[in-house]
Amino acid sequence: SSNTAAYRQTLLNPAVRSAPGAEWSYASLPVDILSLVTERVTGTTLANFFRAEIGSKIGATSVKWESLGSHTYASAYSSMTSRDLARISYLLLRRGSWKGNRIVSGARIDELTRWDAALAQTTYGEQVQFPTDPNSHKRYGRLAWTNRTQSSYVGTGVPSDAYYCAGHGTRFAMVIPSLDMIIVRNQDGPAPWSD
C-alpha cells in the first residue's frame, strides 16, 4: 500500500511466466484484478458493491476493506468480526440463500468453492511466501481451498466435501456441508497455519 501506483501498474500490465493452464501458483494479483473488473462492471468499488449487495442483506456490517488508491484491495487487507465472518460462511453453506432470499446464485457459490478441473493438467509452480503444499493445484477451487484430496493441511478426519478460506496468520473459515457446519477462527497464532 505504500506504493499504490506501482502496484496498480503491475495489475494492469502483469508479467507472464508460463502459458495459461500450464502452471498453478498461489497469487494475489489476479484477485486484485477482479476488483478492478467489478468496479468497471458495477460502477462502484468492490467494497461498496459488497456492502450493498451482500453485507447489508446478511447483517455483515463490520466488514472493512483497505484501498488500493481509489480502488478496493480484493486479495487482502479486509477485516471483520468473527460473527460477520460466520455470516459469510453461513451464506456459503446455504449456497447463497439467506433466510429464504437468494443473495448469490447457488451455481456461483459452487464455482467458488469446488475444485476447478482445469487445474488437473497444471504443475505446481513457484510460490509466494504462503504455506501451500505441493499438491495445492489438486485441491484449490476458485478462491476457496477444498479438502477433496484429504490433505494433511486440513486433516484426514475432516470430510472431503469441506472447503475453507484462509487469511493472514491463522484466520480461516471452514464450511462442511455434509455436517451442516461452519468453523471460524479469527485470531493470530500459532504461525504458520496448521491443521
N, C-alpha and C. Protein backbone atom coordinates (compact mmCIF):
# COMPACT_ATOMS: atom_id res chain seq x y z
N SER A 1 0.82 -1.20 0.00
CA SER A 1 0.00 0.00 0.00
C SER A 1 0.86 1.26 0.00
N SER A 2 2.15 1.14 0.33
CA SER A 2 3.00 2.33 0.33
C SER A 2 3.33 2.77 -1.09
N ASN A 3 3.19 1.89 -2.06
CA ASN A 3 3.48 2.24 -3.45
C ASN A 3 2.31 1.82 -4.33
N THR A 4 1.18 2.44 -4.11
CA THR A 4 -0.06 2.09 -4.80
C THR A 4 0.06 2.22 -6.32
N ALA A 5 0.66 3.27 -6.79
CA ALA A 5 0.75 3.50 -8.24
C ALA A 5 1.53 2.38 -8.92
N ALA A 6 2.63 1.94 -8.32
CA ALA A 6 3.44 0.88 -8.92
C ALA A 6 2.66 -0.44 -8.94
N TYR A 7 1.94 -0.75 -7.86
CA TYR A 7 1.18 -2.00 -7.83
C TYR A 7 0.04 -1.96 -8.84
N ARG A 8 -0.63 -0.82 -8.93
CA ARG A 8 -1.72 -0.70 -9.90
C ARG A 8 -1.19 -0.90 -11.32
N GLN A 9 -0.01 -0.37 -11.61
CA GLN A 9 0.58 -0.56 -12.93
C GLN A 9 0.89 -2.04 -13.17
N THR A 10 1.35 -2.75 -12.13
CA THR A 10 1.60 -4.19 -12.24
C THR A 10 0.30 -4.93 -12.53
N LEU A 11 -0.79 -4.50 -11.88
CA LEU A 11 -2.10 -5.11 -12.12
C LEU A 11 -2.52 -4.96 -13.58
N LEU A 12 -2.28 -3.80 -14.12
CA LEU A 12 -2.73 -3.52 -15.48
C LEU A 12 -1.81 -4.09 -16.55
N ASN A 13 -0.59 -4.45 -16.17
CA ASN A 13 0.36 -4.98 -17.15
C ASN A 13 1.21 -6.06 -16.48
N PRO A 14 0.59 -7.19 -16.10
CA PRO A 14 1.33 -8.20 -15.35
C PRO A 14 2.34 -8.96 -16.20
N ALA A 15 3.42 -9.37 -15.56
CA ALA A 15 4.40 -10.22 -16.24
C ALA A 15 3.79 -11.61 -16.42
N VAL A 16 4.13 -12.28 -17.50
CA VAL A 16 3.62 -13.63 -17.76
C VAL A 16 4.80 -14.59 -17.67
N ARG A 17 4.67 -15.60 -16.80
CA ARG A 17 5.75 -16.55 -16.59
C ARG A 17 5.54 -17.85 -17.34
N SER A 18 4.28 -18.26 -17.52
CA SER A 18 4.00 -19.51 -18.22
C SER A 18 2.70 -19.38 -18.99
N ALA A 19 2.48 -20.29 -19.89
CA ALA A 19 1.24 -20.27 -20.70
C ALA A 19 0.04 -20.53 -19.81
N PRO A 20 -1.11 -19.96 -20.11
CA PRO A 20 -2.32 -20.22 -19.34
C PRO A 20 -2.61 -21.72 -19.27
N GLY A 21 -2.97 -22.18 -18.08
CA GLY A 21 -3.33 -23.57 -17.89
C GLY A 21 -2.17 -24.53 -17.72
N ALA A 22 -0.93 -24.00 -17.67
CA ALA A 22 0.23 -24.87 -17.55
C ALA A 22 0.76 -25.00 -16.13
N GLU A 23 0.61 -23.95 -15.34
CA GLU A 23 1.21 -23.92 -14.01
C GLU A 23 0.23 -23.30 -13.02
N TRP A 24 0.23 -23.83 -11.78
CA TRP A 24 -0.58 -23.23 -10.72
C TRP A 24 0.34 -22.62 -9.68
N SER A 25 0.09 -21.38 -9.34
CA SER A 25 0.81 -20.70 -8.26
C SER A 25 -0.20 -19.88 -7.48
N TYR A 26 -0.06 -19.88 -6.17
CA TYR A 26 -0.91 -19.02 -5.36
C TYR A 26 -0.48 -17.58 -5.61
N ALA A 27 -1.41 -16.71 -5.97
CA ALA A 27 -1.07 -15.33 -6.28
C ALA A 27 -2.22 -14.40 -5.96
N SER A 28 -1.89 -13.21 -5.48
CA SER A 28 -2.88 -12.19 -5.15
C SER A 28 -3.29 -11.34 -6.34
N LEU A 29 -2.39 -11.15 -7.27
CA LEU A 29 -2.61 -10.24 -8.38
C LEU A 29 -3.90 -10.52 -9.17
N PRO A 30 -4.20 -11.77 -9.54
CA PRO A 30 -5.45 -11.99 -10.30
C PRO A 30 -6.71 -11.59 -9.51
N VAL A 31 -6.68 -11.77 -8.20
CA VAL A 31 -7.84 -11.42 -7.39
C VAL A 31 -7.98 -9.90 -7.31
N ASP A 32 -6.86 -9.20 -7.22
CA ASP A 32 -6.93 -7.74 -7.22
C ASP A 32 -7.40 -7.21 -8.58
N ILE A 33 -7.04 -7.88 -9.65
CA ILE A 33 -7.56 -7.50 -10.98
C ILE A 33 -9.08 -7.65 -11.00
N LEU A 34 -9.60 -8.70 -10.36
CA LEU A 34 -11.06 -8.89 -10.30
C LEU A 34 -11.75 -7.71 -9.60
N SER A 35 -11.06 -7.09 -8.64
CA SER A 35 -11.63 -5.91 -8.00
C SER A 35 -11.81 -4.78 -9.02
N LEU A 36 -10.82 -4.60 -9.88
CA LEU A 36 -10.93 -3.57 -10.92
C LEU A 36 -12.04 -3.91 -11.92
N VAL A 37 -12.18 -5.20 -12.25
CA VAL A 37 -13.24 -5.64 -13.15
C VAL A 37 -14.60 -5.38 -12.52
N THR A 38 -14.75 -5.73 -11.24
CA THR A 38 -16.00 -5.48 -10.53
C THR A 38 -16.37 -4.01 -10.57
N GLU A 39 -15.38 -3.17 -10.34
CA GLU A 39 -15.61 -1.73 -10.36
C GLU A 39 -16.07 -1.25 -11.74
N ARG A 40 -15.44 -1.77 -12.79
CA ARG A 40 -15.81 -1.37 -14.15
C ARG A 40 -17.24 -1.82 -14.48
N VAL A 41 -17.59 -3.05 -14.07
CA VAL A 41 -18.90 -3.61 -14.40
C VAL A 41 -20.03 -2.97 -13.59
N THR A 42 -19.78 -2.75 -12.29
CA THR A 42 -20.84 -2.26 -11.40
C THR A 42 -20.90 -0.74 -11.28
N GLY A 43 -19.80 -0.07 -11.62
CA GLY A 43 -19.77 1.38 -11.48
C GLY A 43 -19.47 1.85 -10.07
N THR A 44 -19.11 0.93 -9.18
CA THR A 44 -18.76 1.28 -7.81
C THR A 44 -17.61 0.38 -7.35
N THR A 45 -17.01 0.71 -6.24
CA THR A 45 -15.90 -0.10 -5.75
C THR A 45 -16.39 -1.45 -5.24
N LEU A 46 -15.48 -2.40 -5.17
CA LEU A 46 -15.82 -3.72 -4.63
C LEU A 46 -16.36 -3.59 -3.21
N ALA A 47 -15.74 -2.74 -2.40
CA ALA A 47 -16.20 -2.55 -1.02
C ALA A 47 -17.65 -2.08 -0.98
N ASN A 48 -17.98 -1.07 -1.79
CA ASN A 48 -19.36 -0.55 -1.82
C ASN A 48 -20.33 -1.58 -2.40
N PHE A 49 -19.89 -2.31 -3.43
CA PHE A 49 -20.74 -3.33 -4.02
C PHE A 49 -21.04 -4.44 -3.01
N PHE A 50 -20.00 -4.93 -2.32
CA PHE A 50 -20.21 -5.96 -1.30
C PHE A 50 -21.15 -5.46 -0.21
N ARG A 51 -20.91 -4.26 0.27
CA ARG A 51 -21.73 -3.69 1.34
C ARG A 51 -23.21 -3.64 0.93
N ALA A 52 -23.48 -3.18 -0.29
CA ALA A 52 -24.86 -3.01 -0.75
C ALA A 52 -25.53 -4.32 -1.11
N GLU A 53 -24.82 -5.20 -1.81
CA GLU A 53 -25.44 -6.39 -2.38
C GLU A 53 -25.34 -7.64 -1.50
N ILE A 54 -24.41 -7.66 -0.57
CA ILE A 54 -24.25 -8.86 0.27
C ILE A 54 -24.26 -8.50 1.75
N GLY A 55 -23.29 -7.69 2.17
CA GLY A 55 -23.13 -7.39 3.60
C GLY A 55 -24.39 -6.87 4.27
N SER A 56 -25.04 -5.88 3.67
CA SER A 56 -26.24 -5.31 4.28
C SER A 56 -27.39 -6.31 4.32
N LYS A 57 -27.42 -7.24 3.40
CA LYS A 57 -28.52 -8.21 3.32
C LYS A 57 -28.38 -9.36 4.30
N ILE A 58 -27.14 -9.61 4.77
CA ILE A 58 -26.94 -10.71 5.72
C ILE A 58 -26.52 -10.18 7.10
N GLY A 59 -26.48 -8.87 7.25
CA GLY A 59 -26.12 -8.27 8.54
C GLY A 59 -24.63 -8.24 8.83
N ALA A 60 -23.80 -8.42 7.79
CA ALA A 60 -22.34 -8.37 7.97
C ALA A 60 -21.89 -6.93 7.80
N THR A 61 -22.07 -6.13 8.84
CA THR A 61 -21.83 -4.69 8.75
C THR A 61 -20.43 -4.27 9.19
N SER A 62 -19.66 -5.18 9.79
CA SER A 62 -18.33 -4.80 10.27
C SER A 62 -17.24 -4.95 9.21
N VAL A 63 -17.59 -5.49 8.04
CA VAL A 63 -16.59 -5.77 7.01
C VAL A 63 -15.98 -4.46 6.52
N LYS A 64 -14.65 -4.38 6.62
CA LYS A 64 -13.92 -3.20 6.17
C LYS A 64 -12.87 -3.64 5.14
N TRP A 65 -12.63 -2.81 4.16
CA TRP A 65 -11.68 -3.10 3.09
C TRP A 65 -10.66 -1.97 3.03
N GLU A 66 -9.41 -2.31 2.83
CA GLU A 66 -8.38 -1.30 2.60
C GLU A 66 -8.43 -0.90 1.13
N SER A 67 -7.86 0.25 0.84
CA SER A 67 -7.91 0.78 -0.51
C SER A 67 -6.59 0.65 -1.24
N LEU A 68 -6.72 0.46 -2.52
CA LEU A 68 -5.60 0.49 -3.45
C LEU A 68 -5.81 1.79 -4.23
N GLY A 69 -5.35 2.90 -3.66
CA GLY A 69 -5.69 4.22 -4.20
C GLY A 69 -7.18 4.43 -4.04
N SER A 70 -7.89 4.63 -5.13
CA SER A 70 -9.35 4.80 -5.06
C SER A 70 -10.08 3.48 -5.29
N HIS A 71 -9.32 2.39 -5.39
CA HIS A 71 -9.90 1.07 -5.62
C HIS A 71 -9.85 0.23 -4.35
N THR A 72 -10.53 -0.90 -4.36
CA THR A 72 -10.56 -1.79 -3.20
C THR A 72 -9.62 -2.96 -3.41
N TYR A 73 -8.76 -3.23 -2.40
CA TYR A 73 -7.99 -4.46 -2.44
C TYR A 73 -8.96 -5.63 -2.35
N ALA A 74 -8.77 -6.66 -3.14
CA ALA A 74 -9.63 -7.84 -3.08
C ALA A 74 -8.91 -9.02 -2.45
N SER A 75 -7.59 -9.07 -2.60
CA SER A 75 -6.84 -10.25 -2.17
C SER A 75 -6.45 -10.20 -0.70
N ALA A 76 -6.49 -9.04 -0.07
CA ALA A 76 -6.01 -8.92 1.30
C ALA A 76 -6.54 -7.63 1.92
N TYR A 77 -6.15 -7.41 3.15
CA TYR A 77 -6.42 -6.15 3.86
C TYR A 77 -7.90 -5.90 4.14
N SER A 78 -8.66 -6.95 4.34
CA SER A 78 -10.03 -6.76 4.81
C SER A 78 -10.07 -7.21 6.27
N SER A 79 -11.06 -6.74 6.98
CA SER A 79 -11.23 -7.17 8.38
C SER A 79 -12.71 -7.21 8.71
N MET A 80 -13.04 -8.03 9.71
CA MET A 80 -14.43 -8.16 10.14
C MET A 80 -14.46 -8.88 11.48
N THR A 81 -15.59 -8.83 12.13
CA THR A 81 -15.75 -9.57 13.38
C THR A 81 -15.92 -11.05 13.07
N SER A 82 -15.70 -11.87 14.08
CA SER A 82 -15.91 -13.32 13.92
C SER A 82 -17.36 -13.61 13.54
N ARG A 83 -18.28 -12.89 14.13
CA ARG A 83 -19.70 -13.10 13.83
C ARG A 83 -20.00 -12.82 12.35
N ASP A 84 -19.42 -11.76 11.80
CA ASP A 84 -19.67 -11.46 10.39
C ASP A 84 -18.97 -12.44 9.48
N LEU A 85 -17.79 -12.93 9.87
CA LEU A 85 -17.14 -13.99 9.10
C LEU A 85 -18.01 -15.25 9.12
N ALA A 86 -18.64 -15.52 10.25
CA ALA A 86 -19.56 -16.65 10.34
C ALA A 86 -20.79 -16.44 9.45
N ARG A 87 -21.29 -15.22 9.37
CA ARG A 87 -22.43 -14.93 8.49
C ARG A 87 -22.08 -15.21 7.02
N ILE A 88 -20.90 -14.78 6.61
CA ILE A 88 -20.47 -15.03 5.23
C ILE A 88 -20.31 -16.54 5.00
N SER A 89 -19.73 -17.23 5.98
CA SER A 89 -19.57 -18.69 5.88
C SER A 89 -20.92 -19.38 5.79
N TYR A 90 -21.88 -18.91 6.57
CA TYR A 90 -23.22 -19.49 6.55
C TYR A 90 -23.88 -19.26 5.19
N LEU A 91 -23.64 -18.08 4.59
CA LEU A 91 -24.16 -17.81 3.25
C LEU A 91 -23.57 -18.81 2.25
N LEU A 92 -22.29 -19.14 2.40
CA LEU A 92 -21.67 -20.15 1.54
C LEU A 92 -22.30 -21.52 1.79
N LEU A 93 -22.47 -21.88 3.06
CA LEU A 93 -23.07 -23.17 3.40
C LEU A 93 -24.46 -23.32 2.79
N ARG A 94 -25.22 -22.25 2.79
CA ARG A 94 -26.59 -22.26 2.26
C ARG A 94 -26.62 -21.95 0.76
N ARG A 95 -25.45 -22.04 0.11
CA ARG A 95 -25.31 -21.85 -1.33
C ARG A 95 -25.96 -20.55 -1.81
N GLY A 96 -25.70 -19.46 -1.06
CA GLY A 96 -26.12 -18.14 -1.48
C GLY A 96 -27.49 -17.71 -1.03
N SER A 97 -28.16 -18.54 -0.25
CA SER A 97 -29.51 -18.20 0.22
C SER A 97 -29.43 -17.73 1.68
N TRP A 98 -30.20 -16.69 2.01
CA TRP A 98 -30.21 -16.14 3.36
C TRP A 98 -31.65 -15.90 3.78
N LYS A 99 -32.10 -16.66 4.77
CA LYS A 99 -33.47 -16.53 5.29
C LYS A 99 -34.49 -16.57 4.17
N GLY A 100 -34.29 -17.49 3.23
CA GLY A 100 -35.24 -17.67 2.14
C GLY A 100 -35.04 -16.74 0.97
N ASN A 101 -34.09 -15.82 1.06
CA ASN A 101 -33.83 -14.88 -0.04
C ASN A 101 -32.55 -15.26 -0.76
N ARG A 102 -32.56 -15.21 -2.08
CA ARG A 102 -31.39 -15.53 -2.88
C ARG A 102 -30.50 -14.28 -2.94
N ILE A 103 -29.29 -14.38 -2.37
CA ILE A 103 -28.33 -13.28 -2.37
C ILE A 103 -27.31 -13.48 -3.49
N VAL A 104 -26.81 -14.70 -3.62
CA VAL A 104 -25.84 -15.08 -4.65
C VAL A 104 -26.35 -16.39 -5.25
N SER A 105 -26.17 -16.60 -6.53
CA SER A 105 -26.68 -17.83 -7.13
C SER A 105 -25.94 -19.04 -6.57
N GLY A 106 -26.66 -20.13 -6.41
CA GLY A 106 -26.05 -21.38 -5.94
C GLY A 106 -24.96 -21.85 -6.87
N ALA A 107 -25.15 -21.67 -8.17
CA ALA A 107 -24.14 -22.07 -9.15
C ALA A 107 -22.85 -21.27 -8.96
N ARG A 108 -22.97 -19.98 -8.64
CA ARG A 108 -21.79 -19.14 -8.42
C ARG A 108 -21.05 -19.60 -7.17
N ILE A 109 -21.78 -19.92 -6.11
CA ILE A 109 -21.14 -20.43 -4.88
C ILE A 109 -20.40 -21.73 -5.20
N ASP A 110 -21.03 -22.61 -5.97
CA ASP A 110 -20.39 -23.87 -6.35
C ASP A 110 -19.09 -23.62 -7.12
N GLU A 111 -19.11 -22.66 -8.04
CA GLU A 111 -17.91 -22.35 -8.81
C GLU A 111 -16.78 -21.86 -7.91
N LEU A 112 -17.12 -21.09 -6.89
CA LEU A 112 -16.10 -20.54 -5.99
C LEU A 112 -15.53 -21.57 -5.03
N THR A 113 -16.31 -22.57 -4.70
CA THR A 113 -15.93 -23.46 -3.59
C THR A 113 -15.58 -24.89 -3.99
N ARG A 114 -15.62 -25.18 -5.25
CA ARG A 114 -15.27 -26.53 -5.72
C ARG A 114 -13.98 -26.49 -6.52
N TRP A 115 -13.29 -27.61 -6.52
CA TRP A 115 -12.06 -27.72 -7.29
C TRP A 115 -12.35 -27.49 -8.75
N ASP A 116 -11.47 -26.78 -9.41
CA ASP A 116 -11.62 -26.49 -10.83
C ASP A 116 -10.86 -27.56 -11.62
N ALA A 117 -11.57 -28.40 -12.35
CA ALA A 117 -10.96 -29.50 -13.11
C ALA A 117 -9.94 -29.01 -14.13
N ALA A 118 -9.98 -27.74 -14.50
CA ALA A 118 -8.98 -27.19 -15.43
C ALA A 118 -7.58 -27.25 -14.82
N LEU A 119 -7.51 -27.37 -13.50
CA LEU A 119 -6.20 -27.43 -12.83
C LEU A 119 -5.56 -28.82 -12.92
N ALA A 120 -6.29 -29.81 -13.41
CA ALA A 120 -5.76 -31.17 -13.47
C ALA A 120 -4.51 -31.28 -14.34
N GLN A 121 -4.41 -30.44 -15.34
CA GLN A 121 -3.27 -30.51 -16.27
C GLN A 121 -2.12 -29.59 -15.86
N THR A 122 -2.25 -28.89 -14.74
CA THR A 122 -1.22 -27.94 -14.33
C THR A 122 -0.16 -28.60 -13.46
N THR A 123 0.98 -27.93 -13.38
CA THR A 123 2.04 -28.32 -12.46
C THR A 123 2.10 -27.30 -11.34
N TYR A 124 2.67 -27.69 -10.22
CA TYR A 124 2.83 -26.80 -9.08
C TYR A 124 3.99 -25.86 -9.38
N GLY A 125 3.72 -24.57 -9.41
CA GLY A 125 4.74 -23.60 -9.78
C GLY A 125 5.38 -22.91 -8.59
N GLU A 126 6.21 -21.95 -8.89
CA GLU A 126 6.88 -21.15 -7.87
C GLU A 126 5.84 -20.44 -7.02
N GLN A 127 6.05 -20.40 -5.71
CA GLN A 127 5.06 -19.85 -4.80
C GLN A 127 5.54 -18.58 -4.11
N VAL A 128 4.58 -17.77 -3.72
CA VAL A 128 4.87 -16.65 -2.83
C VAL A 128 5.05 -17.23 -1.44
N GLN A 129 5.40 -16.40 -0.48
CA GLN A 129 5.60 -16.91 0.88
C GLN A 129 4.25 -17.14 1.55
N PHE A 130 3.68 -18.29 1.27
CA PHE A 130 2.37 -18.68 1.80
C PHE A 130 2.42 -20.19 1.95
N PRO A 131 1.96 -20.72 3.07
CA PRO A 131 2.09 -22.16 3.30
C PRO A 131 1.15 -23.01 2.44
N THR A 132 1.62 -23.38 1.27
CA THR A 132 0.85 -24.27 0.40
C THR A 132 1.62 -25.57 0.22
N ASP A 133 0.90 -26.66 0.09
CA ASP A 133 1.58 -27.94 -0.13
C ASP A 133 1.74 -28.18 -1.63
N PRO A 134 2.68 -29.06 -2.02
CA PRO A 134 2.97 -29.27 -3.44
C PRO A 134 1.80 -29.85 -4.25
N ASN A 135 0.72 -30.21 -3.58
CA ASN A 135 -0.47 -30.72 -4.28
C ASN A 135 -1.62 -29.72 -4.25
N SER A 136 -1.32 -28.46 -3.95
CA SER A 136 -2.37 -27.43 -3.85
C SER A 136 -3.22 -27.33 -5.10
N HIS A 137 -2.59 -27.48 -6.26
CA HIS A 137 -3.35 -27.36 -7.51
C HIS A 137 -4.35 -28.50 -7.69
N LYS A 138 -4.23 -29.55 -6.87
CA LYS A 138 -5.19 -30.65 -6.94
C LYS A 138 -6.37 -30.45 -6.01
N ARG A 139 -6.35 -29.33 -5.24
CA ARG A 139 -7.44 -29.10 -4.30
C ARG A 139 -7.92 -27.65 -4.22
N TYR A 140 -7.28 -26.74 -4.94
CA TYR A 140 -7.70 -25.34 -4.88
C TYR A 140 -8.92 -25.12 -5.75
N GLY A 141 -9.87 -24.36 -5.25
CA GLY A 141 -11.06 -24.01 -6.02
C GLY A 141 -10.85 -22.66 -6.66
N ARG A 142 -11.90 -21.92 -6.78
CA ARG A 142 -11.80 -20.54 -7.25
C ARG A 142 -12.05 -19.66 -6.03
N LEU A 143 -11.00 -19.33 -5.34
CA LEU A 143 -10.99 -18.51 -4.13
C LEU A 143 -11.29 -19.29 -2.86
N ALA A 144 -11.35 -20.58 -2.91
CA ALA A 144 -11.51 -21.40 -1.71
C ALA A 144 -10.66 -22.66 -1.85
N TRP A 145 -10.17 -23.14 -0.74
CA TRP A 145 -9.41 -24.39 -0.71
C TRP A 145 -10.38 -25.53 -0.43
N THR A 146 -10.27 -26.61 -1.17
CA THR A 146 -11.14 -27.75 -0.94
C THR A 146 -10.38 -28.82 -0.15
N ASN A 147 -11.11 -29.76 0.37
CA ASN A 147 -10.49 -30.90 1.06
C ASN A 147 -10.71 -32.18 0.25
N ARG A 148 -10.87 -32.06 -1.04
CA ARG A 148 -11.18 -33.20 -1.91
C ARG A 148 -10.11 -34.27 -1.87
N THR A 149 -8.85 -33.89 -1.60
CA THR A 149 -7.77 -34.87 -1.55
C THR A 149 -7.44 -35.28 -0.12
N GLN A 150 -8.22 -34.77 0.84
CA GLN A 150 -7.99 -35.04 2.27
C GLN A 150 -6.55 -34.70 2.65
N SER A 151 -6.13 -33.52 2.27
CA SER A 151 -4.79 -33.01 2.51
C SER A 151 -4.45 -32.98 3.99
N SER A 152 -3.19 -33.18 4.31
CA SER A 152 -2.75 -33.08 5.70
C SER A 152 -2.85 -31.64 6.20
N TYR A 153 -2.99 -30.68 5.29
CA TYR A 153 -3.18 -29.29 5.71
C TYR A 153 -4.52 -29.09 6.41
N VAL A 154 -5.47 -29.93 6.10
CA VAL A 154 -6.79 -29.84 6.74
C VAL A 154 -6.97 -30.95 7.75
N GLY A 155 -6.54 -32.14 7.41
CA GLY A 155 -6.68 -33.29 8.30
C GLY A 155 -7.56 -34.34 7.66
N THR A 156 -7.13 -35.58 7.75
CA THR A 156 -7.87 -36.66 7.11
C THR A 156 -9.19 -36.96 7.80
N GLY A 157 -9.38 -36.47 9.02
CA GLY A 157 -10.64 -36.67 9.72
C GLY A 157 -11.73 -35.71 9.29
N VAL A 158 -11.38 -34.70 8.52
CA VAL A 158 -12.35 -33.72 8.04
C VAL A 158 -12.98 -34.26 6.75
N PRO A 159 -14.31 -34.24 6.64
CA PRO A 159 -14.96 -34.76 5.43
C PRO A 159 -14.41 -34.13 4.15
N SER A 160 -14.42 -34.91 3.08
CA SER A 160 -13.83 -34.46 1.81
C SER A 160 -14.64 -33.36 1.13
N ASP A 161 -15.89 -33.13 1.56
CA ASP A 161 -16.68 -32.06 0.95
C ASP A 161 -16.41 -30.69 1.59
N ALA A 162 -15.56 -30.65 2.61
CA ALA A 162 -15.23 -29.40 3.29
C ALA A 162 -14.43 -28.49 2.37
N TYR A 163 -14.61 -27.19 2.56
CA TYR A 163 -13.79 -26.19 1.88
C TYR A 163 -13.58 -25.04 2.85
N TYR A 164 -12.52 -24.27 2.61
CA TYR A 164 -12.22 -23.19 3.53
C TYR A 164 -11.53 -22.03 2.82
N CYS A 165 -11.62 -20.88 3.46
CA CYS A 165 -10.91 -19.68 3.04
C CYS A 165 -9.90 -19.37 4.13
N ALA A 166 -8.65 -19.19 3.76
CA ALA A 166 -7.59 -18.92 4.73
C ALA A 166 -7.13 -17.49 4.58
N GLY A 167 -6.94 -16.83 5.71
CA GLY A 167 -6.49 -15.44 5.70
C GLY A 167 -5.14 -15.29 6.37
N HIS A 168 -4.75 -14.05 6.59
CA HIS A 168 -3.47 -13.73 7.20
C HIS A 168 -3.32 -14.41 8.56
N GLY A 169 -2.12 -14.86 8.83
CA GLY A 169 -1.86 -15.52 10.11
C GLY A 169 -2.59 -16.84 10.15
N THR A 170 -3.46 -17.01 11.10
CA THR A 170 -4.19 -18.27 11.24
C THR A 170 -5.70 -18.06 11.15
N ARG A 171 -6.13 -17.01 10.49
CA ARG A 171 -7.56 -16.77 10.33
C ARG A 171 -8.10 -17.68 9.23
N PHE A 172 -9.25 -18.30 9.49
CA PHE A 172 -9.88 -19.10 8.44
C PHE A 172 -11.35 -19.28 8.72
N ALA A 173 -12.07 -19.64 7.68
CA ALA A 173 -13.48 -20.00 7.79
C ALA A 173 -13.66 -21.29 7.00
N MET A 174 -14.16 -22.32 7.66
CA MET A 174 -14.35 -23.62 7.01
C MET A 174 -15.84 -23.94 6.96
N VAL A 175 -16.25 -24.50 5.83
CA VAL A 175 -17.63 -24.93 5.63
C VAL A 175 -17.60 -26.43 5.38
N ILE A 176 -18.43 -27.18 6.12
CA ILE A 176 -18.51 -28.63 5.95
C ILE A 176 -19.98 -28.97 5.66
N PRO A 177 -20.36 -28.98 4.38
CA PRO A 177 -21.77 -29.20 4.03
C PRO A 177 -22.35 -30.50 4.57
N SER A 178 -21.60 -31.60 4.52
CA SER A 178 -22.16 -32.88 4.97
C SER A 178 -22.46 -32.89 6.46
N LEU A 179 -21.86 -32.02 7.23
CA LEU A 179 -22.14 -31.92 8.66
C LEU A 179 -23.00 -30.70 8.99
N ASP A 180 -23.39 -29.93 7.95
CA ASP A 180 -24.16 -28.71 8.14
C ASP A 180 -23.46 -27.81 9.17
N MET A 181 -22.14 -27.61 8.95
CA MET A 181 -21.31 -26.96 9.96
C MET A 181 -20.39 -25.92 9.35
N ILE A 182 -20.18 -24.85 10.11
CA ILE A 182 -19.14 -23.88 9.77
C ILE A 182 -18.22 -23.75 10.97
N ILE A 183 -16.95 -23.45 10.70
CA ILE A 183 -15.96 -23.22 11.75
C ILE A 183 -15.24 -21.93 11.38
N VAL A 184 -15.14 -21.01 12.33
CA VAL A 184 -14.49 -19.73 12.10
C VAL A 184 -13.39 -19.53 13.12
N ARG A 185 -12.23 -19.10 12.66
CA ARG A 185 -11.12 -18.73 13.55
C ARG A 185 -10.64 -17.37 13.09
N ASN A 186 -10.67 -16.41 14.00
CA ASN A 186 -10.36 -15.03 13.64
C ASN A 186 -9.32 -14.46 14.60
N GLN A 187 -8.17 -15.11 14.67
CA GLN A 187 -7.09 -14.63 15.53
C GLN A 187 -5.75 -15.06 14.97
N ASP A 188 -4.69 -14.43 15.46
CA ASP A 188 -3.34 -14.77 15.03
C ASP A 188 -2.74 -15.85 15.93
N GLY A 189 -1.82 -16.62 15.35
CA GLY A 189 -1.04 -17.59 16.11
C GLY A 189 -1.79 -18.87 16.38
N PRO A 190 -1.10 -19.98 16.54
CA PRO A 190 0.33 -20.08 16.24
C PRO A 190 0.58 -20.02 14.74
N ALA A 191 1.73 -19.58 14.37
CA ALA A 191 2.06 -19.46 12.94
C ALA A 191 3.12 -20.47 12.58
N PRO A 192 3.14 -21.04 11.40
CA PRO A 192 2.15 -20.84 10.34
C PRO A 192 0.87 -21.62 10.63
N TRP A 193 -0.13 -21.41 9.75
CA TRP A 193 -1.41 -22.10 9.91
C TRP A 193 -1.19 -23.59 9.91
N SER A 194 -1.91 -24.28 10.76
CA SER A 194 -1.72 -25.71 10.92
C SER A 194 -3.06 -26.36 11.14
N ASP A 195 -3.18 -27.60 10.68
CA ASP A 195 -4.42 -28.34 10.93
C ASP A 195 -4.52 -28.71 12.40
